[in-house]
Amino acid sequence: MPSFPEDLAQAQQEWRATYHQLAQRPGRTELRRRLYRLSAHLFFHPHWQQRRPTATAWRELRTPARPADDVRERHPQ
C-alpha cells in the first residue's frame, strides 16, 4: 500500500466524517460546503501533480489502514 502525505490522509478522514454527518443531517448547507471544499482539496492536492490518481490510488486512500492482526483474522492461513 503506498504511503500518502499526512495532510492528504487527514483530509480524506475529514471528508468521510463530514459525509457521514451530512447523511445523518441532510440539508445542512455548511456541511455541503465543507464536503465540496474537502473534495477539491483531495482532488487537486500536490501529491497528484505528476499524474492524476487512478481508481486504485483512490481506493487505497479511502480504505483506512488496518492493523496486521485484523488482516490475519479476515484471511487465515
C-alpha atoms as a PDB file:
ATOM      1  CA  MET A   1       0.000   0.000   0.000  1.00  0.00           C
ATOM      2  CA  PRO A   2       1.506   3.336  -0.964  1.00  0.00           C
ATOM      3  CA  SER A   3       2.207   5.949   1.608  1.00  0.00           C
ATOM      4  CA  PHE A   4       0.212   9.172   1.300  1.00  0.00           C
ATOM      5  CA  PRO A   5       1.166  12.580   2.715  1.00  0.00           C
ATOM      6  CA  GLU A   6      -0.248  13.087   6.181  1.00  0.00           C
ATOM      7  CA  ASP A   7      -2.358  16.095   5.187  1.00  0.00           C
ATOM      8  CA  LEU A   8      -3.897  14.163   2.288  1.00  0.00           C
ATOM      9  CA  ALA A   9      -4.798  11.217   4.516  1.00  0.00           C
ATOM     10  CA  GLN A  10      -6.186  13.619   7.145  1.00  0.00           C
ATOM     11  CA  ALA A  11      -8.307  15.406   4.531  1.00  0.00           C
ATOM     12  CA  GLN A  12      -9.735  12.048   3.449  1.00  0.00           C
ATOM     13  CA  GLN A  13     -10.645  11.209   7.058  1.00  0.00           C
ATOM     14  CA  GLU A  14     -12.315  14.605   7.443  1.00  0.00           C
ATOM     15  CA  TRP A  15     -14.169  14.077   4.148  1.00  0.00           C
ATOM     16  CA  ARG A  16     -15.517  10.727   5.369  1.00  0.00           C
ATOM     17  CA  ALA A  17     -16.609  12.191   8.726  1.00  0.00           C
ATOM     18  CA  THR A  18     -18.306  15.149   7.031  1.00  0.00           C
ATOM     19  CA  TYR A  19     -20.043  12.835   4.566  1.00  0.00           C
ATOM     20  CA  HIS A  20     -21.459  10.750   7.425  1.00  0.00           C
ATOM     21  CA  GLN A  21     -22.592  13.875   9.295  1.00  0.00           C
ATOM     22  CA  LEU A  22     -24.360  15.105   6.169  1.00  0.00           C
ATOM     23  CA  ALA A  23     -26.030  11.719   5.712  1.00  0.00           C
ATOM     24  CA  GLN A  24     -27.402  11.979   9.258  1.00  0.00           C
ATOM     25  CA  ARG A  25     -28.462  15.616   8.874  1.00  0.00           C
ATOM     26  CA  PRO A  26     -29.313  16.257   5.209  1.00  0.00           C
ATOM     27  CA  GLY A  27     -29.792  19.783   4.011  1.00  0.00           C
ATOM     28  CA  ARG A  28     -27.050  21.299   6.174  1.00  0.00           C
ATOM     29  CA  THR A  29     -25.501  23.937   3.927  1.00  0.00           C
ATOM     30  CA  GLU A  30     -22.314  24.254   5.979  1.00  0.00           C
ATOM     31  CA  LEU A  31     -21.687  20.500   5.725  1.00  0.00           C
ATOM     32  CA  ARG A  32     -22.270  20.504   1.958  1.00  0.00           C
ATOM     33  CA  ARG A  33     -19.837  23.398   1.569  1.00  0.00           C
ATOM     34  CA  ARG A  34     -17.234  21.671   3.719  1.00  0.00           C
ATOM     35  CA  LEU A  35     -17.612  18.460   1.727  1.00  0.00           C
ATOM     36  CA  TYR A  36     -17.170  20.415  -1.507  1.00  0.00           C
ATOM     37  CA  ARG A  37     -14.009  22.160  -0.219  1.00  0.00           C
ATOM     38  CA  LEU A  38     -12.527  18.889   1.036  1.00  0.00           C
ATOM     39  CA  SER A  39     -13.303  17.180  -2.288  1.00  0.00           C
ATOM     40  CA  ALA A  40     -11.458  19.917  -4.174  1.00  0.00           C
ATOM     41  CA  HIS A  41      -8.529  19.721  -1.741  1.00  0.00           C
ATOM     42  CA  LEU A  42      -8.301  15.958  -2.200  1.00  0.00           C
ATOM     43  CA  PHE A  43      -8.516  16.057  -5.981  1.00  0.00           C
ATOM     44  CA  PHE A  44      -6.096  18.955  -6.515  1.00  0.00           C
ATOM     45  CA  HIS A  45      -3.595  18.026  -3.796  1.00  0.00           C
ATOM     46  CA  PRO A  46       0.077  18.478  -4.859  1.00  0.00           C
ATOM     47  CA  HIS A  47       0.619  14.736  -4.319  1.00  0.00           C
ATOM     48  CA  TRP A  48      -1.250  14.160  -7.602  1.00  0.00           C
ATOM     49  CA  GLN A  49       0.698  16.772  -9.632  1.00  0.00           C
ATOM     50  CA  GLN A  50       2.801  14.316 -11.602  1.00  0.00           C
ATOM     51  CA  ARG A  51      -0.237  12.335 -12.729  1.00  0.00           C
ATOM     52  CA  ARG A  52      -3.887  12.115 -11.870  1.00  0.00           C
ATOM     53  CA  PRO A  53      -4.867   9.444  -9.349  1.00  0.00           C
ATOM     54  CA  THR A  54      -6.021   6.080 -10.625  1.00  0.00           C
ATOM     55  CA  ALA A  55      -9.073   4.266  -9.307  1.00  0.00           C
ATOM     56  CA  THR A  56      -6.725   2.024  -7.333  1.00  0.00           C
ATOM     57  CA  ALA A  57      -4.992   5.011  -5.735  1.00  0.00           C
ATOM     58  CA  TRP A  58      -8.364   6.494  -4.691  1.00  0.00           C
ATOM     59  CA  ARG A  59      -9.437   3.162  -3.221  1.00  0.00           C
ATOM     60  CA  GLU A  60      -6.191   2.858  -1.251  1.00  0.00           C
ATOM     61  CA  LEU A  61      -6.553   6.404   0.058  1.00  0.00           C
ATOM     62  CA  ARG A  62     -10.171   5.818   1.059  1.00  0.00           C
ATOM     63  CA  THR A  63      -9.515   2.458   2.714  1.00  0.00           C
ATOM     64  CA  PRO A  64      -8.473   3.095   6.296  1.00  0.00           C
ATOM     65  CA  ALA A  65      -5.302   1.353   7.405  1.00  0.00           C
ATOM     66  CA  ARG A  66      -5.954  -1.796   9.385  1.00  0.00           C
ATOM     67  CA  PRO A  67      -3.646  -3.389  11.922  1.00  0.00           C
ATOM     68  CA  ALA A  68      -1.862  -6.551  10.766  1.00  0.00           C
ATOM     69  CA  ASP A  69      -3.877  -8.614  13.291  1.00  0.00           C
ATOM     70  CA  ASP A  70      -7.128  -7.552  11.622  1.00  0.00           C
ATOM     71  CA  VAL A  71      -5.873  -8.708   8.222  1.00  0.00           C
ATOM     72  CA  ARG A  72      -4.914 -12.117   9.615  1.00  0.00           C
ATOM     73  CA  GLU A  73      -8.351 -12.518  11.170  1.00  0.00           C
ATOM     74  CA  ARG A  74     -10.064 -11.902   7.850  1.00  0.00           C
ATOM     75  CA  HIS A  75      -7.644 -14.070   5.859  1.00  0.00           C
ATOM     76  CA  PRO A  76      -6.488 -17.014   7.978  1.00  0.00           C
ATOM     77  CA  GLN A  77      -3.627 -19.042   6.538  1.00  0.00           C
END
